[in-house]
PDB file of all heavy atoms in Angstrom:
ATOM      1  N   LEU A   1     -14.421  10.347 -12.001  1.00  0.00           N
ATOM      2  CA  LEU A   1     -13.310  10.576 -12.938  1.00  0.00           C
ATOM      3  C   LEU A   1     -13.727  11.453 -14.108  1.00  0.00           C
ATOM      4  O   LEU A   1     -12.953  12.304 -14.557  1.00  0.00           O
ATOM      5  CB  LEU A   1     -12.753   9.244 -13.441  1.00  0.00           C
ATOM      6  CG  LEU A   1     -12.019   8.396 -12.409  1.00  0.00           C
ATOM      7  CD1 LEU A   1     -11.667   7.038 -13.000  1.00  0.00           C
ATOM      8  CD2 LEU A   1     -10.766   9.100 -11.910  1.00  0.00           C
ATOM      9  N   THR A   2     -14.933  11.250 -14.629  1.00  0.00           N
ATOM     10  CA  THR A   2     -15.373  12.042 -15.776  1.00  0.00           C
ATOM     11  C   THR A   2     -15.661  13.491 -15.380  1.00  0.00           C
ATOM     12  O   THR A   2     -15.649  14.370 -16.236  1.00  0.00           O
ATOM     13  CB  THR A   2     -16.614  11.439 -16.455  1.00  0.00           C
ATOM     14  OG1 THR A   2     -17.664  11.322 -15.503  1.00  0.00           O
ATOM     15  CG2 THR A   2     -16.301  10.087 -17.049  1.00  0.00           C
ATOM     16  N   LEU A   3     -15.911  13.733 -14.084  1.00  0.00           N
ATOM     17  CA  LEU A   3     -16.177  15.094 -13.628  1.00  0.00           C
ATOM     18  C   LEU A   3     -14.910  15.864 -13.273  1.00  0.00           C
ATOM     19  O   LEU A   3     -14.977  17.072 -13.028  1.00  0.00           O
ATOM     20  CB  LEU A   3     -17.122  15.070 -12.416  1.00  0.00           C
ATOM     21  CG  LEU A   3     -18.525  14.539 -12.698  1.00  0.00           C
ATOM     22  CD1 LEU A   3     -19.328  14.453 -11.408  1.00  0.00           C
ATOM     23  CD2 LEU A   3     -19.241  15.396 -13.727  1.00  0.00           C
ATOM     24  N   LEU A   4     -13.767  15.184 -13.251  1.00  0.00           N
ATOM     25  CA  LEU A   4     -12.506  15.861 -12.942  1.00  0.00           C
ATOM     26  C   LEU A   4     -12.148  16.838 -14.066  1.00  0.00           C
ATOM     27  O   LEU A   4     -12.415  16.564 -15.238  1.00  0.00           O
ATOM     28  CB  LEU A   4     -11.380  14.844 -12.766  1.00  0.00           C
ATOM     29  CG  LEU A   4     -11.443  13.968 -11.526  1.00  0.00           C
ATOM     30  CD1 LEU A   4     -10.337  12.906 -11.588  1.00  0.00           C
ATOM     31  CD2 LEU A   4     -11.311  14.792 -10.260  1.00  0.00           C
ATOM     32  N   PRO A   5     -11.520  17.961 -13.712  1.00  0.00           N
ATOM     33  CA  PRO A   5     -11.161  18.938 -14.755  1.00  0.00           C
ATOM     34  C   PRO A   5     -10.039  18.449 -15.677  1.00  0.00           C
ATOM     35  O   PRO A   5      -9.970  18.845 -16.831  1.00  0.00           O
ATOM     36  CB  PRO A   5     -10.727  20.170 -13.959  1.00  0.00           C
ATOM     37  CG  PRO A   5     -10.351  19.663 -12.613  1.00  0.00           C
ATOM     38  CD  PRO A   5     -11.182  18.434 -12.372  1.00  0.00           C
ATOM     39  N   GLN A   6      -9.169  17.586 -15.179  1.00  0.00           N
ATOM     40  CA  GLN A   6      -8.056  17.112 -16.002  1.00  0.00           C
ATOM     41  C   GLN A   6      -8.454  15.876 -16.795  1.00  0.00           C
ATOM     42  O   GLN A   6      -9.317  15.118 -16.378  1.00  0.00           O
ATOM     43  CB  GLN A   6      -6.807  16.840 -15.146  1.00  0.00           C
ATOM     44  CG  GLN A   6      -6.906  15.662 -14.200  1.00  0.00           C
ATOM     45  CD  GLN A   6      -7.345  16.015 -12.800  1.00  0.00           C
ATOM     46  OE1 GLN A   6      -8.065  16.968 -12.588  1.00  0.00           O
ATOM     47  NE2 GLN A   6      -6.928  15.216 -11.839  1.00  0.00           N
ATOM     48  N   ASP A   7      -7.811  15.694 -17.943  1.00  0.00           N
ATOM     49  CA  ASP A   7      -8.092  14.545 -18.802  1.00  0.00           C
ATOM     50  C   ASP A   7      -7.253  13.333 -18.430  1.00  0.00           C
ATOM     51  O   ASP A   7      -7.504  12.232 -18.892  1.00  0.00           O
ATOM     52  CB  ASP A   7      -7.821  14.888 -20.267  1.00  0.00           C
ATOM     53  CG  ASP A   7      -8.810  15.899 -20.808  1.00  0.00           C
ATOM     54  OD1 ASP A   7      -9.910  16.018 -20.240  1.00  0.00           O
ATOM     55  OD2 ASP A   7      -8.478  16.583 -21.793  1.00  0.00           O
ATOM     56  N   GLU A   8      -6.218  13.544 -17.615  1.00  0.00           N
ATOM     57  CA  GLU A   8      -5.301  12.474 -17.255  1.00  0.00           C
ATOM     58  C   GLU A   8      -5.233  12.363 -15.737  1.00  0.00           C
ATOM     59  O   GLU A   8      -5.072  13.368 -15.053  1.00  0.00           O
ATOM     60  CB  GLU A   8      -3.919  12.779 -17.830  1.00  0.00           C
ATOM     61  CG  GLU A   8      -2.914  11.682 -17.650  1.00  0.00           C
ATOM     62  CD  GLU A   8      -1.628  12.003 -18.388  1.00  0.00           C
ATOM     63  OE1 GLU A   8      -1.547  11.675 -19.589  1.00  0.00           O
ATOM     64  OE2 GLU A   8      -0.721  12.568 -17.763  1.00  0.00           O
ATOM     65  N   VAL A   9      -5.381  11.139 -15.232  1.00  0.00           N
ATOM     66  CA  VAL A   9      -5.302  10.921 -13.786  1.00  0.00           C
ATOM     67  C   VAL A   9      -4.293   9.821 -13.498  1.00  0.00           C
ATOM     68  O   VAL A   9      -4.173   8.868 -14.268  1.00  0.00           O
ATOM     69  CB  VAL A   9      -6.661  10.539 -13.163  1.00  0.00           C
ATOM     70  CG1 VAL A   9      -7.654  11.659 -13.277  1.00  0.00           C
ATOM     71  CG2 VAL A   9      -7.217   9.280 -13.761  1.00  0.00           C
ATOM     72  N   PRO A  10      -3.557   9.955 -12.400  1.00  0.00           N
ATOM     73  CA  PRO A  10      -2.624   8.882 -12.041  1.00  0.00           C
ATOM     74  C   PRO A  10      -3.394   7.657 -11.550  1.00  0.00           C
ATOM     75  O   PRO A  10      -4.451   7.786 -10.925  1.00  0.00           O
ATOM     76  CB  PRO A  10      -1.772   9.496 -10.927  1.00  0.00           C
ATOM     77  CG  PRO A  10      -2.526  10.678 -10.433  1.00  0.00           C
ATOM     78  CD  PRO A  10      -3.452  11.111 -11.522  1.00  0.00           C
ATOM     79  N   SER A  11      -2.862   6.485 -11.829  1.00  0.00           N
ATOM     80  CA  SER A  11      -3.514   5.251 -11.386  1.00  0.00           C
ATOM     81  C   SER A  11      -3.629   5.226  -9.866  1.00  0.00           C
ATOM     82  O   SER A  11      -4.558   4.620  -9.323  1.00  0.00           O
ATOM     83  CB  SER A  11      -2.762   4.023 -11.891  1.00  0.00           C
ATOM     84  OG  SER A  11      -1.429   4.018 -11.398  1.00  0.00           O
ATOM     85  N   SER A  12      -2.724   5.913  -9.182  1.00  0.00           N
ATOM     86  CA  SER A  12      -2.777   5.947  -7.713  1.00  0.00           C
ATOM     87  C   SER A  12      -4.057   6.613  -7.215  1.00  0.00           C
ATOM     88  O   SER A  12      -4.619   6.203  -6.196  1.00  0.00           O
ATOM     89  CB  SER A  12      -1.558   6.684  -7.153  1.00  0.00           C
ATOM     90  OG  SER A  12      -1.508   8.009  -7.637  1.00  0.00           O
ATOM     91  N   MET A  13      -4.562   7.615  -7.947  1.00  0.00           N
ATOM     92  CA  MET A  13      -5.806   8.278  -7.554  1.00  0.00           C
ATOM     93  C   MET A  13      -6.982   7.304  -7.660  1.00  0.00           C
ATOM     94  O   MET A  13      -7.826   7.240  -6.761  1.00  0.00           O
ATOM     95  CB  MET A  13      -6.071   9.503  -8.436  1.00  0.00           C
ATOM     96  CG  MET A  13      -7.366  10.233  -8.091  1.00  0.00           C
ATOM     97  SD  MET A  13      -7.764  11.561  -9.243  1.00  0.00           S
ATOM     98  CE  MET A  13      -6.572  12.793  -8.735  1.00  0.00           C
ATOM     99  N   ILE A  14      -7.001   6.529  -8.721  1.00  0.00           N
ATOM    100  CA  ILE A  14      -8.070   5.548  -8.900  1.00  0.00           C
ATOM    101  C   ILE A  14      -7.969   4.472  -7.817  1.00  0.00           C
ATOM    102  O   ILE A  14      -8.973   4.085  -7.216  1.00  0.00           O
ATOM    103  CB  ILE A  14      -8.018   4.924 -10.311  1.00  0.00           C
ATOM    104  CG1 ILE A  14      -8.229   6.018 -11.371  1.00  0.00           C
ATOM    105  CG2 ILE A  14      -9.051   3.808 -10.457  1.00  0.00           C
ATOM    106  CD1 ILE A  14      -7.960   5.575 -12.789  1.00  0.00           C
ATOM    107  N   GLY A  15      -6.757   4.008  -7.544  1.00  0.00           N
ATOM    108  CA  GLY A  15      -6.554   3.003  -6.509  1.00  0.00           C
ATOM    109  C   GLY A  15      -7.031   3.472  -5.151  1.00  0.00           C
ATOM    110  O   GLY A  15      -7.663   2.724  -4.397  1.00  0.00           O
ATOM    111  N   GLU A  16      -6.760   4.733  -4.828  1.00  0.00           N
ATOM    112  CA  GLU A  16      -7.207   5.282  -3.541  1.00  0.00           C
ATOM    113  C   GLU A  16      -8.737   5.381  -3.496  1.00  0.00           C
ATOM    114  O   GLU A  16      -9.347   5.129  -2.460  1.00  0.00           O
ATOM    115  CB  GLU A  16      -6.566   6.653  -3.282  1.00  0.00           C
ATOM    116  CG  GLU A  16      -5.070   6.600  -3.033  1.00  0.00           C
ATOM    117  CD  GLU A  16      -4.660   5.814  -1.796  1.00  0.00           C
ATOM    118  OE1 GLU A  16      -5.419   5.783  -0.807  1.00  0.00           O
ATOM    119  OE2 GLU A  16      -3.567   5.218  -1.832  1.00  0.00           O
ATOM    120  N   MET A  17      -9.348   5.755  -4.613  1.00  0.00           N
ATOM    121  CA  MET A  17     -10.812   5.805  -4.663  1.00  0.00           C
ATOM    122  C   MET A  17     -11.409   4.425  -4.402  1.00  0.00           C
ATOM    123  O   MET A  17     -12.381   4.288  -3.661  1.00  0.00           O
ATOM    124  CB  MET A  17     -11.291   6.308  -6.036  1.00  0.00           C
ATOM    125  CG  MET A  17     -11.089   7.751  -6.297  1.00  0.00           C
ATOM    126  SD  MET A  17     -11.685   8.127  -7.980  1.00  0.00           S
ATOM    127  CE  MET A  17     -11.431   9.877  -8.046  1.00  0.00           C
ATOM    128  N   VAL A  18     -10.813   3.404  -5.017  1.00  0.00           N
ATOM    129  CA  VAL A  18     -11.297   2.037  -4.837  1.00  0.00           C
ATOM    130  C   VAL A  18     -11.138   1.616  -3.383  1.00  0.00           C
ATOM    131  O   VAL A  18     -12.071   1.083  -2.769  1.00  0.00           O
ATOM    132  CB  VAL A  18     -10.566   1.047  -5.780  1.00  0.00           C
ATOM    133  CG1 VAL A  18     -10.916  -0.394  -5.430  1.00  0.00           C
ATOM    134  CG2 VAL A  18     -10.896   1.338  -7.235  1.00  0.00           C
ATOM    135  N   MET A  19      -9.964   1.877  -2.819  1.00  0.00           N
ATOM    136  CA  MET A  19      -9.720   1.453  -1.437  1.00  0.00           C
ATOM    137  C   MET A  19     -10.643   2.177  -0.459  1.00  0.00           C
ATOM    138  O   MET A  19     -11.144   1.571   0.487  1.00  0.00           O
ATOM    139  CB  MET A  19      -8.253   1.646  -1.063  1.00  0.00           C
ATOM    140  CG  MET A  19      -7.370   0.616  -1.742  1.00  0.00           C
ATOM    141  SD  MET A  19      -5.701   0.500  -1.091  1.00  0.00           S
ATOM    142  CE  MET A  19      -5.135   2.155  -1.236  1.00  0.00           C
ATOM    143  N   ASP A  20     -10.883   3.463  -0.676  1.00  0.00           N
ATOM    144  CA  ASP A  20     -11.811   4.196   0.195  1.00  0.00           C
ATOM    145  C   ASP A  20     -13.206   3.569   0.157  1.00  0.00           C
ATOM    146  O   ASP A  20     -13.859   3.420   1.183  1.00  0.00           O
ATOM    147  CB  ASP A  20     -11.888   5.669  -0.213  1.00  0.00           C
ATOM    148  CG  ASP A  20     -10.633   6.453   0.127  1.00  0.00           C
ATOM    149  OD1 ASP A  20      -9.808   5.954   0.924  1.00  0.00           O
ATOM    150  OD2 ASP A  20     -10.469   7.565  -0.410  1.00  0.00           O
ATOM    151  N   SER A  21     -13.646   3.196  -1.042  1.00  0.00           N
ATOM    152  CA  SER A  21     -14.970   2.590  -1.186  1.00  0.00           C
ATOM    153  C   SER A  21     -15.017   1.190  -0.579  1.00  0.00           C
ATOM    154  O   SER A  21     -15.967   0.842   0.127  1.00  0.00           O
ATOM    155  CB  SER A  21     -15.363   2.517  -2.664  1.00  0.00           C
ATOM    156  OG  SER A  21     -15.461   3.814  -3.205  1.00  0.00           O
ATOM    157  N   LEU A  22     -13.990   0.376  -0.857  1.00  0.00           N
ATOM    158  CA  LEU A  22     -13.972  -0.987  -0.324  1.00  0.00           C
ATOM    159  C   LEU A  22     -13.866  -0.999   1.198  1.00  0.00           C
ATOM    160  O   LEU A  22     -14.417  -1.886   1.848  1.00  0.00           O
ATOM    161  CB  LEU A  22     -12.826  -1.795  -0.934  1.00  0.00           C
ATOM    162  CG  LEU A  22     -13.022  -2.266  -2.367  1.00  0.00           C
ATOM    163  CD1 LEU A  22     -11.781  -2.991  -2.869  1.00  0.00           C
ATOM    164  CD2 LEU A  22     -14.242  -3.166  -2.486  1.00  0.00           C
ATOM    165  N   ARG A  23     -13.173  -0.039   1.765  1.00  0.00           N
ATOM    166  CA  ARG A  23     -13.047   0.049   3.221  1.00  0.00           C
ATOM    167  C   ARG A  23     -14.431   0.145   3.864  1.00  0.00           C
ATOM    168  O   ARG A  23     -14.678  -0.430   4.911  1.00  0.00           O
ATOM    169  CB  ARG A  23     -12.203   1.251   3.619  1.00  0.00           C
ATOM    170  CG  ARG A  23     -11.946   1.337   5.120  1.00  0.00           C
ATOM    171  CD  ARG A  23     -11.141   2.566   5.507  1.00  0.00           C
ATOM    172  NE  ARG A  23      -9.757   2.423   5.101  1.00  0.00           N
ATOM    173  CZ  ARG A  23      -9.122   3.257   4.273  1.00  0.00           C
ATOM    174  NH1 ARG A  23      -9.744   4.290   3.765  1.00  0.00           N
ATOM    175  NH2 ARG A  23      -7.862   3.064   3.969  1.00  0.00           N
ATOM    176  N   GLU A  24     -15.344   0.853   3.193  1.00  0.00           N
ATOM    177  CA  GLU A  24     -16.703   1.028   3.704  1.00  0.00           C
ATOM    178  C   GLU A  24     -17.581  -0.204   3.462  1.00  0.00           C
ATOM    179  O   GLU A  24     -18.499  -0.469   4.219  1.00  0.00           O
ATOM    180  CB  GLU A  24     -17.368   2.241   3.039  1.00  0.00           C
ATOM    181  CG  GLU A  24     -16.638   3.548   3.244  1.00  0.00           C
ATOM    182  CD  GLU A  24     -16.605   3.990   4.691  1.00  0.00           C
ATOM    183  OE1 GLU A  24     -17.633   3.817   5.380  1.00  0.00           O
ATOM    184  OE2 GLU A  24     -15.549   4.472   5.145  1.00  0.00           O
ATOM    185  N   ILE A  25     -17.285  -0.948   2.406  1.00  0.00           N
ATOM    186  CA  ILE A  25     -18.132  -2.077   1.998  1.00  0.00           C
ATOM    187  C   ILE A  25     -17.729  -3.381   2.687  1.00  0.00           C
ATOM    188  O   ILE A  25     -18.564  -4.086   3.248  1.00  0.00           O
ATOM    189  CB  ILE A  25     -18.094  -2.254   0.459  1.00  0.00           C
ATOM    190  CG1 ILE A  25     -18.719  -1.032  -0.217  1.00  0.00           C
ATOM    191  CG2 ILE A  25     -18.794  -3.524   0.038  1.00  0.00           C
ATOM    192  CD1 ILE A  25     -18.492  -0.994  -1.714  1.00  0.00           C
ATOM    193  N   ASP A  26     -16.430  -3.718   2.624  1.00  0.00           N
ATOM    194  CA  ASP A  26     -15.975  -5.007   3.130  1.00  0.00           C
ATOM    195  C   ASP A  26     -14.478  -4.925   3.432  1.00  0.00           C
ATOM    196  O   ASP A  26     -13.673  -4.673   2.534  1.00  0.00           O
ATOM    197  CB  ASP A  26     -16.244  -6.091   2.084  1.00  0.00           C
ATOM    198  CG  ASP A  26     -15.935  -7.480   2.578  1.00  0.00           C
ATOM    199  OD1 ASP A  26     -14.749  -7.865   2.591  1.00  0.00           O
ATOM    200  OD2 ASP A  26     -16.887  -8.188   2.947  1.00  0.00           O
ATOM    201  N   GLN A  27     -14.103  -5.149   4.686  1.00  0.00           N
ATOM    202  CA  GLN A  27     -12.712  -4.992   5.096  1.00  0.00           C
ATOM    203  C   GLN A  27     -11.793  -6.051   4.495  1.00  0.00           C
ATOM    204  O   GLN A  27     -10.642  -5.764   4.180  1.00  0.00           O
ATOM    205  CB  GLN A  27     -12.601  -4.986   6.616  1.00  0.00           C
ATOM    206  CG  GLN A  27     -13.199  -3.731   7.225  1.00  0.00           C
ATOM    207  CD  GLN A  27     -13.032  -3.664   8.727  1.00  0.00           C
ATOM    208  OE1 GLN A  27     -12.732  -4.659   9.368  1.00  0.00           O
ATOM    209  NE2 GLN A  27     -13.230  -2.485   9.274  1.00  0.00           N
ATOM    210  N   VAL A  28     -12.288  -7.260   4.300  1.00  0.00           N
ATOM    211  CA  VAL A  28     -11.460  -8.300   3.689  1.00  0.00           C
ATOM    212  C   VAL A  28     -11.158  -7.936   2.233  1.00  0.00           C
ATOM    213  O   VAL A  28     -10.013  -8.032   1.777  1.00  0.00           O
ATOM    214  CB  VAL A  28     -12.131  -9.688   3.785  1.00  0.00           C
ATOM    215  CG1 VAL A  28     -11.356 -10.731   2.990  1.00  0.00           C
ATOM    216  CG2 VAL A  28     -12.254 -10.114   5.250  1.00  0.00           C
ATOM    217  N   ALA A  29     -12.166  -7.492   1.497  1.00  0.00           N
ATOM    218  CA  ALA A  29     -11.961  -7.069   0.104  1.00  0.00           C
ATOM    219  C   ALA A  29     -10.998  -5.886   0.058  1.00  0.00           C
ATOM    220  O   ALA A  29     -10.136  -5.811  -0.823  1.00  0.00           O
ATOM    221  CB  ALA A  29     -13.288  -6.715  -0.545  1.00  0.00           C
ATOM    222  N   TYR A  30     -11.134  -4.985   1.023  1.00  0.00           N
ATOM    223  CA  TYR A  30     -10.230  -3.831   1.099  1.00  0.00           C
ATOM    224  C   TYR A  30      -8.784  -4.290   1.261  1.00  0.00           C
ATOM    225  O   TYR A  30      -7.887  -3.831   0.546  1.00  0.00           O
ATOM    226  CB  TYR A  30     -10.625  -2.922   2.265  1.00  0.00           C
ATOM    227  CG  TYR A  30      -9.535  -1.956   2.651  1.00  0.00           C
ATOM    228  CD1 TYR A  30      -9.302  -0.811   1.901  1.00  0.00           C
ATOM    229  CD2 TYR A  30      -8.722  -2.199   3.749  1.00  0.00           C
ATOM    230  CE1 TYR A  30      -8.291   0.070   2.234  1.00  0.00           C
ATOM    231  CE2 TYR A  30      -7.709  -1.326   4.093  1.00  0.00           C
ATOM    232  CZ  TYR A  30      -7.498  -0.200   3.340  1.00  0.00           C
ATOM    233  OH  TYR A  30      -6.481   0.656   3.659  1.00  0.00           O
ATOM    234  N   VAL A  31      -8.532  -5.210   2.201  1.00  0.00           N
ATOM    235  CA  VAL A  31      -7.165  -5.679   2.450  1.00  0.00           C
ATOM    236  C   VAL A  31      -6.622  -6.422   1.236  1.00  0.00           C
ATOM    237  O   VAL A  31      -5.458  -6.259   0.867  1.00  0.00           O
ATOM    238  CB  VAL A  31      -7.097  -6.547   3.725  1.00  0.00           C
ATOM    239  CG1 VAL A  31      -5.745  -7.215   3.872  1.00  0.00           C
ATOM    240  CG2 VAL A  31      -7.403  -5.704   4.957  1.00  0.00           C
ATOM    241  N   ARG A  32      -7.463  -7.210   0.578  1.00  0.00           N
ATOM    242  CA  ARG A  32      -7.024  -7.907  -0.640  1.00  0.00           C
ATOM    243  C   ARG A  32      -6.594  -6.900  -1.700  1.00  0.00           C
ATOM    244  O   ARG A  32      -5.543  -7.050  -2.339  1.00  0.00           O
ATOM    245  CB  ARG A  32      -8.149  -8.773  -1.195  1.00  0.00           C
ATOM    246  CG  ARG A  32      -8.410 -10.032  -0.441  1.00  0.00           C
ATOM    247  CD  ARG A  32      -9.583 -10.753  -1.074  1.00  0.00           C
ATOM    248  NE  ARG A  32      -9.886 -12.004  -0.401  1.00  0.00           N
ATOM    249  CZ  ARG A  32     -10.981 -12.691  -0.622  1.00  0.00           C
ATOM    250  NH1 ARG A  32     -11.875 -12.273  -1.503  1.00  0.00           N
ATOM    251  NH2 ARG A  32     -11.196 -13.817   0.023  1.00  0.00           N
TER     252      ARG A  32
END
């Protein structure tokens, strides 16, 4: 997020980043 050129990001972008990471770590946590 700090490396992005824009100062404002939609919460949906952060949510997708979290889900992409959780999908790789733990599928139950991802679904939750």
